[in-house]
Amino acid sequence: MVGLGLVLIHQSVDNPMTPLRYPPPAAVASHRPPSATPTASTDAGADTGTDAGADTGADDKALSRSEPTRISIPDIAVDAPFTKLSLDASGHLSAPPPDDTNLVGWFQGGASPGEHGAAIVAGHLDTKTGPAVFAGLGQLKPGAFVDITRADGTVARFEVDSVETFSKADFPDDQVYADTPSPELRLITCGGTYDRARQDYQANVVVFAHLDSSTSA
């Protein structure tokens, strides 16, 4: 699996699946610092006078590992729960259920939102029934906020740095999926022109964001 250059998830209007590039877990989770190592407890930081889940030894506001439960992006009216995404036997990332238009998926093999590293969140642009949760993703502007509520009771707030559209034929895997020393976020969906002959969008929209702050829910 490590030898794979990328793996795919799928979605579209005619076929609820359209290729979305994705790296093997080693490309996302490698070189994670000890403070971001998964732990059994989700109560880190409770009753300490700091934000729950905060890694007080870090100067980049990094949090300990905790699963995301809900995402809110006020600027594009997103308010949706999470489902976990994993790789299947063929090395493809399972997509969120195509019959749920208001659901995002988190790649659980990588960083959780707020940890050191780039947390990967994917959502449908559309389904057979119409627009889906990330239909407006390409309209986000730098400076917009993305709030992710986590299972440990913290809300990790990310600030958007840029919104990019990349051709699937020349997708910059290293730029999107490279491990990062500070907590970052990638929101990904399909974009560009829809090729009905191939039943495939020709591009991906990627939002790059960094952890701005965290609070108790």
Foldseek 3Di string as FASTA:
>chain_A
DQPDPWAFFAQFQVRGTAGDTHHFLCQAAPPFDPQADDDPDLQDPPPPPDFGQFDVVDPQRAGYAFAWFWKAFPVVGATAGEDEWEADPVRHIYADDQVAQRYKYWDPSHGHQRHQWETEIEHECAYNVGGGRCVPVQVDDFQTWMWTQTPNQKIWIKTWDDKDKAFPVDDDCCVQRHGGRAGKYKYKYADDDQDPVVRYGGIMIITIIHTDHMHGD
